[in-house]
Amino acid sequence: MVKWFLHLSMFTILMVSISFSQATTSDLGKVEDMKNPVYGIGLSAGWASGIGVSFRVHLPSKSSLQVVMGIIKTSSKLSSCLGGEYQYDFTRNKSMRLFLDAAIGYYYKGVNSNEVSGPFRIGAGVGSEFHVQEAFHVTIAGLFVFFSDGRIIPLPQISAHYYFY
């Protein structure tokens, strides 16, 4: 699984570096430029906040909130996760933003009981969001993830969102 995240992260970095010549949008410029919240929907994959469909809102301040939910049913086993993130911007311009990231999540897999070791997770770290094209943005973050079974591991998170301006 970690190998898959590393390959996806490298591919995303390559695509983002190619995309800096794209046209930008004005609504994610400086904090002073944002008069209204900006909403986005997309996909997210991370050990702390979850894997699945995500909804993000950039508030007209330095804060952003994200909710992630995923459900997979195979044979008789249910796998699901529910999580969220709080992001506080250090800097933001028209092509990228750098932020502090705090995440929490719960993972479940099983029939009658949870088979996941360390199902509750809390993470903290830094991330960066890159403007790829029009309203499409890609986010890469590195978080120190605390698992409820006592492990603490630095792990990546990645997401892609389409924003509605």
N, C-alpha and C. Protein backbone atom coordinates (compact mmCIF):
# COMPACT_ATOMS: atom_id res chain seq x y z
N MET A 1 0.82 -1.19 0.00
CA MET A 1 0.00 0.00 0.00
C MET A 1 0.87 1.26 0.00
N VAL A 2 1.96 1.24 0.79
CA VAL A 2 2.84 2.40 0.84
C VAL A 2 3.49 2.63 -0.52
N LYS A 3 3.85 1.55 -1.20
CA LYS A 3 4.45 1.67 -2.54
C LYS A 3 3.48 2.36 -3.49
N TRP A 4 2.18 2.02 -3.39
CA TRP A 4 1.16 2.65 -4.23
C TRP A 4 1.08 4.14 -3.95
N PHE A 5 1.11 4.55 -2.67
CA PHE A 5 1.08 5.96 -2.31
C PHE A 5 2.30 6.69 -2.85
N LEU A 6 3.46 6.08 -2.77
CA LEU A 6 4.69 6.71 -3.27
C LEU A 6 4.62 6.92 -4.78
N HIS A 7 4.15 5.91 -5.52
CA HIS A 7 4.02 6.06 -6.97
C HIS A 7 3.02 7.15 -7.32
N LEU A 8 1.90 7.17 -6.64
CA LEU A 8 0.87 8.19 -6.90
C LEU A 8 1.39 9.58 -6.55
N SER A 9 2.14 9.69 -5.46
CA SER A 9 2.71 10.97 -5.07
C SER A 9 3.71 11.48 -6.11
N MET A 10 4.57 10.61 -6.59
CA MET A 10 5.55 11.02 -7.61
C MET A 10 4.86 11.43 -8.90
N PHE A 11 3.83 10.70 -9.31
CA PHE A 11 3.08 11.06 -10.51
C PHE A 11 2.41 12.42 -10.34
N THR A 12 1.85 12.67 -9.17
CA THR A 12 1.18 13.94 -8.90
C THR A 12 2.17 15.09 -8.94
N ILE A 13 3.33 14.91 -8.33
CA ILE A 13 4.36 15.96 -8.35
C ILE A 13 4.78 16.26 -9.78
N LEU A 14 4.93 15.24 -10.61
CA LEU A 14 5.28 15.44 -12.01
C LEU A 14 4.20 16.23 -12.73
N MET A 15 2.94 15.86 -12.53
CA MET A 15 1.84 16.55 -13.20
C MET A 15 1.71 17.99 -12.73
N VAL A 16 1.92 18.23 -11.44
CA VAL A 16 1.83 19.58 -10.91
C VAL A 16 2.93 20.45 -11.47
N SER A 17 4.15 19.92 -11.58
CA SER A 17 5.25 20.73 -12.12
C SER A 17 5.00 21.10 -13.57
N ILE A 18 4.32 20.25 -14.32
CA ILE A 18 4.00 20.56 -15.71
C ILE A 18 2.91 21.63 -15.78
N SER A 19 2.04 21.68 -14.78
CA SER A 19 0.83 22.49 -14.87
C SER A 19 1.00 23.95 -14.48
N PHE A 20 2.16 24.39 -14.04
CA PHE A 20 2.29 25.77 -13.60
C PHE A 20 2.08 26.79 -14.70
N SER A 21 2.04 26.38 -15.95
CA SER A 21 1.81 27.32 -17.03
C SER A 21 0.33 27.52 -17.32
N GLN A 22 -0.54 26.87 -16.57
CA GLN A 22 -1.98 26.97 -16.81
C GLN A 22 -2.51 28.32 -16.34
N ALA A 23 -3.70 28.67 -16.81
CA ALA A 23 -4.37 29.89 -16.37
C ALA A 23 -4.80 29.71 -14.92
N THR A 24 -4.84 30.81 -14.16
CA THR A 24 -5.22 30.72 -12.75
C THR A 24 -6.58 31.35 -12.53
N THR A 25 -7.13 31.04 -11.38
CA THR A 25 -8.40 31.65 -10.98
C THR A 25 -8.10 32.64 -9.88
N SER A 26 -8.94 33.63 -9.74
CA SER A 26 -8.66 34.70 -8.79
C SER A 26 -9.22 34.46 -7.40
N ASP A 27 -10.12 33.50 -7.21
CA ASP A 27 -10.78 33.35 -5.92
C ASP A 27 -9.93 32.70 -4.85
N LEU A 28 -8.84 32.06 -5.19
CA LEU A 28 -7.98 31.48 -4.17
C LEU A 28 -6.68 32.26 -4.04
N GLY A 29 -6.73 33.55 -4.29
CA GLY A 29 -5.56 34.39 -4.13
C GLY A 29 -5.32 34.68 -2.67
N LYS A 30 -4.98 35.90 -2.32
CA LYS A 30 -4.73 36.26 -0.94
C LYS A 30 -6.02 36.16 -0.12
N VAL A 31 -5.85 36.03 1.18
CA VAL A 31 -7.00 35.92 2.07
C VAL A 31 -7.92 37.13 1.92
N GLU A 32 -7.34 38.29 1.73
CA GLU A 32 -8.15 39.50 1.61
C GLU A 32 -9.04 39.47 0.37
N ASP A 33 -8.65 38.69 -0.67
CA ASP A 33 -9.43 38.62 -1.91
C ASP A 33 -10.67 37.74 -1.77
N MET A 34 -10.67 36.81 -0.83
CA MET A 34 -11.80 35.90 -0.68
C MET A 34 -12.91 36.57 0.12
N LYS A 35 -14.04 36.76 -0.52
CA LYS A 35 -15.19 37.38 0.16
C LYS A 35 -16.20 36.34 0.60
N ASN A 36 -16.22 35.17 -0.06
CA ASN A 36 -17.17 34.11 0.23
C ASN A 36 -16.44 32.78 0.36
N PRO A 37 -17.06 31.80 1.03
CA PRO A 37 -16.45 30.47 1.08
C PRO A 37 -16.37 29.85 -0.32
N VAL A 38 -15.37 29.00 -0.53
CA VAL A 38 -15.21 28.28 -1.79
C VAL A 38 -15.34 26.79 -1.47
N TYR A 39 -16.23 26.08 -2.19
CA TYR A 39 -16.52 24.68 -1.92
C TYR A 39 -15.89 23.80 -3.00
N GLY A 40 -15.44 22.61 -2.58
CA GLY A 40 -14.86 21.67 -3.52
C GLY A 40 -15.26 20.24 -3.19
N ILE A 41 -15.30 19.42 -4.23
CA ILE A 41 -15.60 18.00 -4.05
C ILE A 41 -14.54 17.21 -4.81
N GLY A 42 -14.15 16.05 -4.26
CA GLY A 42 -13.10 15.28 -4.91
C GLY A 42 -12.85 13.95 -4.23
N LEU A 43 -11.64 13.46 -4.42
CA LEU A 43 -11.21 12.19 -3.84
C LEU A 43 -9.99 12.44 -2.96
N SER A 44 -9.92 11.69 -1.87
CA SER A 44 -8.81 11.84 -0.94
C SER A 44 -8.33 10.47 -0.48
N ALA A 45 -7.04 10.34 -0.27
CA ALA A 45 -6.47 9.09 0.23
C ALA A 45 -5.40 9.43 1.25
N GLY A 46 -5.63 9.02 2.48
CA GLY A 46 -4.67 9.29 3.53
C GLY A 46 -4.86 8.36 4.70
N TRP A 47 -3.77 8.07 5.41
CA TRP A 47 -3.81 7.16 6.55
C TRP A 47 -4.48 7.82 7.75
N ALA A 48 -4.49 9.14 7.82
CA ALA A 48 -5.08 9.81 8.98
C ALA A 48 -6.54 10.17 8.74
N SER A 49 -6.86 10.83 7.65
CA SER A 49 -8.23 11.33 7.45
C SER A 49 -9.13 10.40 6.67
N GLY A 50 -8.61 9.37 6.03
CA GLY A 50 -9.46 8.41 5.35
C GLY A 50 -9.25 8.35 3.85
N ILE A 51 -9.95 7.39 3.25
CA ILE A 51 -9.86 7.15 1.81
C ILE A 51 -11.27 7.17 1.25
N GLY A 52 -11.52 8.02 0.26
CA GLY A 52 -12.84 8.05 -0.35
C GLY A 52 -13.19 9.41 -0.92
N VAL A 53 -14.48 9.67 -0.97
CA VAL A 53 -15.00 10.93 -1.49
C VAL A 53 -14.82 12.00 -0.42
N SER A 54 -14.41 13.19 -0.84
CA SER A 54 -14.19 14.25 0.14
C SER A 54 -14.89 15.54 -0.29
N PHE A 55 -15.24 16.30 0.70
CA PHE A 55 -15.86 17.61 0.52
C PHE A 55 -15.02 18.61 1.30
N ARG A 56 -14.61 19.71 0.64
CA ARG A 56 -13.76 20.72 1.28
C ARG A 56 -14.39 22.09 1.15
N VAL A 57 -14.23 22.90 2.17
CA VAL A 57 -14.67 24.29 2.14
C VAL A 57 -13.51 25.17 2.61
N HIS A 58 -13.17 26.16 1.76
CA HIS A 58 -12.20 27.20 2.13
C HIS A 58 -13.02 28.36 2.66
N LEU A 59 -12.83 28.67 3.91
CA LEU A 59 -13.55 29.79 4.51
C LEU A 59 -12.87 31.10 4.10
N PRO A 60 -13.58 32.23 4.15
CA PRO A 60 -12.93 33.50 3.79
C PRO A 60 -11.99 33.97 4.91
N SER A 61 -11.08 33.10 5.27
CA SER A 61 -10.05 33.35 6.27
C SER A 61 -8.86 32.46 5.91
N LYS A 62 -8.03 32.14 6.86
CA LYS A 62 -6.90 31.25 6.59
C LYS A 62 -7.23 29.80 6.87
N SER A 63 -8.50 29.47 7.12
CA SER A 63 -8.90 28.12 7.51
C SER A 63 -9.66 27.39 6.41
N SER A 64 -9.46 26.07 6.38
CA SER A 64 -10.20 25.18 5.48
C SER A 64 -10.61 23.95 6.27
N LEU A 65 -11.76 23.38 5.90
CA LEU A 65 -12.25 22.16 6.53
C LEU A 65 -12.53 21.13 5.45
N GLN A 66 -12.28 19.85 5.77
CA GLN A 66 -12.51 18.78 4.80
C GLN A 66 -13.10 17.57 5.52
N VAL A 67 -14.07 16.92 4.89
CA VAL A 67 -14.66 15.68 5.39
C VAL A 67 -14.42 14.60 4.35
N VAL A 68 -14.01 13.39 4.80
CA VAL A 68 -13.71 12.27 3.90
C VAL A 68 -14.53 11.06 4.35
N MET A 69 -15.15 10.37 3.36
CA MET A 69 -15.91 9.17 3.68
C MET A 69 -15.76 8.15 2.57
N GLY A 70 -15.52 6.90 2.95
CA GLY A 70 -15.41 5.83 1.97
C GLY A 70 -16.03 4.54 2.49
N ILE A 71 -16.74 3.84 1.63
CA ILE A 71 -17.37 2.56 1.99
C ILE A 71 -17.11 1.56 0.87
N ILE A 72 -16.62 0.38 1.23
CA ILE A 72 -16.40 -0.71 0.27
C ILE A 72 -16.96 -1.98 0.90
N LYS A 73 -17.79 -2.69 0.18
CA LYS A 73 -18.35 -3.95 0.66
C LYS A 73 -17.86 -5.06 -0.26
N THR A 74 -17.09 -5.99 0.31
CA THR A 74 -16.62 -7.16 -0.44
C THR A 74 -17.11 -8.40 0.28
N SER A 75 -17.75 -9.28 -0.44
CA SER A 75 -18.37 -10.49 0.11
C SER A 75 -19.17 -10.13 1.36
N SER A 76 -18.81 -10.65 2.50
CA SER A 76 -19.57 -10.35 3.71
C SER A 76 -18.89 -9.27 4.56
N LYS A 77 -17.68 -8.85 4.20
CA LYS A 77 -16.95 -7.86 4.99
C LYS A 77 -17.22 -6.45 4.50
N LEU A 78 -17.37 -5.56 5.46
CA LEU A 78 -17.55 -4.15 5.17
C LEU A 78 -16.27 -3.41 5.54
N SER A 79 -15.77 -2.60 4.64
CA SER A 79 -14.64 -1.72 4.93
C SER A 79 -15.12 -0.30 4.77
N SER A 80 -14.86 0.53 5.77
CA SER A 80 -15.30 1.92 5.69
C SER A 80 -14.35 2.80 6.49
N CYS A 81 -14.42 4.08 6.20
CA CYS A 81 -13.66 5.05 6.96
C CYS A 81 -14.40 6.38 6.95
N LEU A 82 -14.19 7.13 7.99
CA LEU A 82 -14.78 8.45 8.12
C LEU A 82 -13.73 9.33 8.78
N GLY A 83 -13.48 10.49 8.20
CA GLY A 83 -12.45 11.35 8.76
C GLY A 83 -12.64 12.79 8.37
N GLY A 84 -11.76 13.61 8.88
CA GLY A 84 -11.81 15.04 8.58
C GLY A 84 -10.47 15.69 8.76
N GLU A 85 -10.35 16.88 8.20
CA GLU A 85 -9.11 17.66 8.29
C GLU A 85 -9.42 19.11 8.58
N TYR A 86 -8.50 19.74 9.29
CA TYR A 86 -8.50 21.19 9.46
C TYR A 86 -7.19 21.67 8.88
N GLN A 87 -7.25 22.67 7.99
CA GLN A 87 -6.05 23.21 7.36
C GLN A 87 -5.96 24.70 7.65
N TYR A 88 -4.79 25.14 8.10
CA TYR A 88 -4.54 26.56 8.38
C TYR A 88 -3.44 27.04 7.45
N ASP A 89 -3.76 28.02 6.61
CA ASP A 89 -2.82 28.50 5.59
C ASP A 89 -1.68 29.31 6.18
N PHE A 90 -0.45 28.92 5.81
CA PHE A 90 0.72 29.75 6.09
C PHE A 90 0.83 30.82 5.01
N THR A 91 0.68 30.38 3.77
CA THR A 91 0.76 31.28 2.63
C THR A 91 -0.14 30.76 1.52
N ARG A 92 -0.65 31.68 0.72
CA ARG A 92 -1.53 31.29 -0.39
C ARG A 92 -1.37 32.31 -1.50
N ASN A 93 -1.22 31.81 -2.73
CA ASN A 93 -1.23 32.68 -3.90
C ASN A 93 -2.06 32.00 -4.98
N LYS A 94 -2.01 32.48 -6.19
CA LYS A 94 -2.89 31.97 -7.24
C LYS A 94 -2.51 30.58 -7.76
N SER A 95 -1.28 30.12 -7.51
CA SER A 95 -0.89 28.81 -8.03
C SER A 95 -0.72 27.74 -6.95
N MET A 96 -0.57 28.13 -5.68
CA MET A 96 -0.40 27.13 -4.63
C MET A 96 -0.69 27.73 -3.27
N ARG A 97 -0.81 26.84 -2.28
CA ARG A 97 -0.89 27.28 -0.89
C ARG A 97 -0.15 26.27 -0.02
N LEU A 98 0.44 26.75 1.05
CA LEU A 98 1.15 25.94 2.02
C LEU A 98 0.39 26.04 3.33
N PHE A 99 0.12 24.90 3.99
CA PHE A 99 -0.74 24.94 5.16
C PHE A 99 -0.31 23.93 6.23
N LEU A 100 -0.73 24.21 7.46
CA LEU A 100 -0.64 23.28 8.57
C LEU A 100 -1.85 22.37 8.48
N ASP A 101 -1.64 21.08 8.67
CA ASP A 101 -2.72 20.10 8.48
C ASP A 101 -2.90 19.29 9.76
N ALA A 102 -4.14 19.21 10.24
CA ALA A 102 -4.50 18.36 11.37
C ALA A 102 -5.64 17.46 10.91
N ALA A 103 -5.52 16.15 11.15
CA ALA A 103 -6.51 15.20 10.64
C ALA A 103 -6.90 14.20 11.72
N ILE A 104 -8.11 13.66 11.57
CA ILE A 104 -8.61 12.63 12.46
C ILE A 104 -9.43 11.66 11.63
N GLY A 105 -9.39 10.38 11.98
CA GLY A 105 -10.15 9.41 11.21
C GLY A 105 -10.43 8.14 11.97
N TYR A 106 -11.40 7.38 11.48
CA TYR A 106 -11.74 6.08 12.04
C TYR A 106 -11.90 5.10 10.89
N TYR A 107 -11.24 3.94 10.98
CA TYR A 107 -11.29 2.90 9.96
C TYR A 107 -12.00 1.66 10.53
N TYR A 108 -12.79 1.00 9.69
CA TYR A 108 -13.50 -0.22 10.11
C TYR A 108 -13.41 -1.26 9.00
N LYS A 109 -13.16 -2.52 9.40
CA LYS A 109 -13.19 -3.63 8.47
C LYS A 109 -13.60 -4.87 9.24
N GLY A 110 -14.63 -5.55 8.76
CA GLY A 110 -15.06 -6.76 9.44
C GLY A 110 -16.51 -7.10 9.18
N VAL A 111 -16.97 -8.14 9.87
CA VAL A 111 -18.36 -8.57 9.78
C VAL A 111 -19.12 -8.14 11.02
N ASN A 112 -18.69 -8.63 12.18
CA ASN A 112 -19.35 -8.28 13.44
C ASN A 112 -18.47 -7.43 14.35
N SER A 113 -17.17 -7.45 14.11
CA SER A 113 -16.26 -6.65 14.92
C SER A 113 -15.16 -6.08 14.02
N ASN A 114 -14.51 -5.04 14.52
CA ASN A 114 -13.48 -4.36 13.76
C ASN A 114 -12.18 -5.16 13.78
N GLU A 115 -11.67 -5.49 12.60
CA GLU A 115 -10.42 -6.24 12.46
C GLU A 115 -9.21 -5.33 12.28
N VAL A 116 -9.41 -4.03 12.21
CA VAL A 116 -8.31 -3.08 11.99
C VAL A 116 -7.60 -2.83 13.31
N SER A 117 -6.26 -2.99 13.31
CA SER A 117 -5.50 -2.64 14.50
C SER A 117 -5.24 -1.14 14.46
N GLY A 118 -5.56 -0.46 15.52
CA GLY A 118 -5.41 0.99 15.57
C GLY A 118 -6.41 1.70 14.68
N PRO A 119 -7.72 1.48 14.88
CA PRO A 119 -8.70 2.08 13.98
C PRO A 119 -8.85 3.60 14.11
N PHE A 120 -8.60 4.16 15.29
CA PHE A 120 -8.66 5.62 15.45
C PHE A 120 -7.29 6.18 15.11
N ARG A 121 -7.28 7.26 14.33
CA ARG A 121 -6.01 7.88 13.91
C ARG A 121 -6.10 9.39 14.02
N ILE A 122 -5.00 9.98 14.45
CA ILE A 122 -4.88 11.44 14.53
C ILE A 122 -3.55 11.79 13.86
N GLY A 123 -3.56 12.81 13.01
CA GLY A 123 -2.34 13.20 12.31
C GLY A 123 -2.12 14.69 12.33
N ALA A 124 -0.87 15.09 12.24
CA ALA A 124 -0.51 16.51 12.15
C ALA A 124 0.73 16.63 11.28
N GLY A 125 0.76 17.69 10.47
CA GLY A 125 1.90 17.92 9.59
C GLY A 125 1.67 19.12 8.71
N VAL A 126 2.34 19.13 7.56
CA VAL A 126 2.20 20.23 6.61
C VAL A 126 1.79 19.67 5.25
N GLY A 127 1.16 20.54 4.47
CA GLY A 127 0.74 20.15 3.13
C GLY A 127 0.79 21.31 2.18
N SER A 128 0.62 21.00 0.92
CA SER A 128 0.62 22.02 -0.12
C SER A 128 -0.44 21.67 -1.15
N GLU A 129 -1.17 22.68 -1.58
CA GLU A 129 -2.19 22.49 -2.60
C GLU A 129 -1.74 23.24 -3.86
N PHE A 130 -1.85 22.57 -5.00
CA PHE A 130 -1.38 23.13 -6.26
C PHE A 130 -2.55 23.29 -7.22
N HIS A 131 -2.59 24.44 -7.86
CA HIS A 131 -3.59 24.71 -8.89
C HIS A 131 -3.14 23.99 -10.16
N VAL A 132 -3.96 23.09 -10.67
CA VAL A 132 -3.58 22.31 -11.84
C VAL A 132 -4.20 22.89 -13.10
N GLN A 133 -5.51 23.07 -13.11
CA GLN A 133 -6.20 23.54 -14.30
C GLN A 133 -7.56 24.09 -13.89
N GLU A 134 -7.91 25.27 -14.39
CA GLU A 134 -9.19 25.89 -14.07
C GLU A 134 -9.49 25.76 -12.59
N ALA A 135 -10.50 24.98 -12.23
CA ALA A 135 -10.90 24.83 -10.83
C ALA A 135 -10.42 23.52 -10.22
N PHE A 136 -9.47 22.85 -10.84
CA PHE A 136 -8.96 21.56 -10.37
C PHE A 136 -7.67 21.76 -9.59
N HIS A 137 -7.62 21.24 -8.36
CA HIS A 137 -6.46 21.39 -7.50
C HIS A 137 -6.04 20.03 -6.94
N VAL A 138 -4.73 19.85 -6.72
CA VAL A 138 -4.18 18.62 -6.15
C VAL A 138 -3.46 19.00 -4.86
N THR A 139 -3.68 18.20 -3.82
CA THR A 139 -3.08 18.45 -2.51
C THR A 139 -2.19 17.27 -2.12
N ILE A 140 -0.99 17.59 -1.62
CA ILE A 140 -0.07 16.59 -1.09
C ILE A 140 0.31 17.04 0.31
N ALA A 141 0.25 16.10 1.26
CA ALA A 141 0.59 16.43 2.63
C ALA A 141 1.40 15.31 3.25
N GLY A 142 2.23 15.66 4.21
CA GLY A 142 2.98 14.70 4.99
C GLY A 142 2.61 14.88 6.45
N LEU A 143 2.08 13.83 7.07
CA LEU A 143 1.60 13.92 8.44
C LEU A 143 2.26 12.87 9.32
N PHE A 144 2.49 13.21 10.57
CA PHE A 144 2.85 12.24 11.58
C PHE A 144 1.53 11.69 12.09
N VAL A 145 1.30 10.39 11.88
CA VAL A 145 0.01 9.78 12.21
C VAL A 145 0.15 8.93 13.47
N PHE A 146 -0.70 9.25 14.46
CA PHE A 146 -0.77 8.49 15.70
C PHE A 146 -1.93 7.51 15.59
N PHE A 147 -1.62 6.20 15.66
CA PHE A 147 -2.63 5.14 15.61
C PHE A 147 -3.06 4.81 17.04
N SER A 148 -4.31 4.42 17.23
CA SER A 148 -4.81 4.15 18.58
C SER A 148 -4.15 2.93 19.23
N ASP A 149 -3.39 2.14 18.49
CA ASP A 149 -2.65 1.03 19.11
C ASP A 149 -1.25 1.46 19.55
N GLY A 150 -0.94 2.76 19.44
CA GLY A 150 0.32 3.30 19.96
C GLY A 150 1.39 3.61 18.95
N ARG A 151 1.22 3.22 17.69
CA ARG A 151 2.23 3.51 16.66
C ARG A 151 2.14 4.97 16.22
N ILE A 152 3.29 5.56 15.92
CA ILE A 152 3.37 6.90 15.32
C ILE A 152 4.25 6.77 14.10
N ILE A 153 3.68 7.07 12.91
CA ILE A 153 4.39 6.86 11.65
C ILE A 153 4.20 8.10 10.76
N PRO A 154 5.26 8.63 10.14
CA PRO A 154 5.08 9.71 9.15
C PRO A 154 4.58 9.10 7.84
N LEU A 155 3.43 9.59 7.36
CA LEU A 155 2.80 9.03 6.17
C LEU A 155 2.26 10.13 5.26
N PRO A 156 2.15 9.84 3.96
CA PRO A 156 1.64 10.83 3.01
C PRO A 156 0.11 10.81 2.92
N GLN A 157 -0.44 11.91 2.44
CA GLN A 157 -1.84 12.01 2.09
C GLN A 157 -1.90 12.75 0.75
N ILE A 158 -2.88 12.41 -0.06
CA ILE A 158 -3.03 13.04 -1.36
C ILE A 158 -4.52 13.20 -1.65
N SER A 159 -4.86 14.27 -2.32
CA SER A 159 -6.26 14.47 -2.72
C SER A 159 -6.32 15.34 -3.96
N ALA A 160 -7.45 15.25 -4.63
CA ALA A 160 -7.72 16.07 -5.80
C ALA A 160 -9.16 16.58 -5.68
N HIS A 161 -9.33 17.89 -5.89
CA HIS A 161 -10.64 18.52 -5.73
C HIS A 161 -10.98 19.42 -6.89
N TYR A 162 -12.25 19.47 -7.19
CA TYR A 162 -12.79 20.44 -8.15
C TYR A 162 -13.56 21.46 -7.34
N TYR A 163 -13.21 22.75 -7.52
CA TYR A 163 -13.84 23.82 -6.75
C TYR A 163 -14.93 24.51 -7.55
N PHE A 164 -15.97 24.90 -6.84
CA PHE A 164 -17.10 25.61 -7.42
C PHE A 164 -17.01 27.07 -7.00
N TYR A 165 -16.66 27.95 -7.92
CA TYR A 165 -16.48 29.36 -7.63
C TYR A 165 -17.76 30.12 -7.82
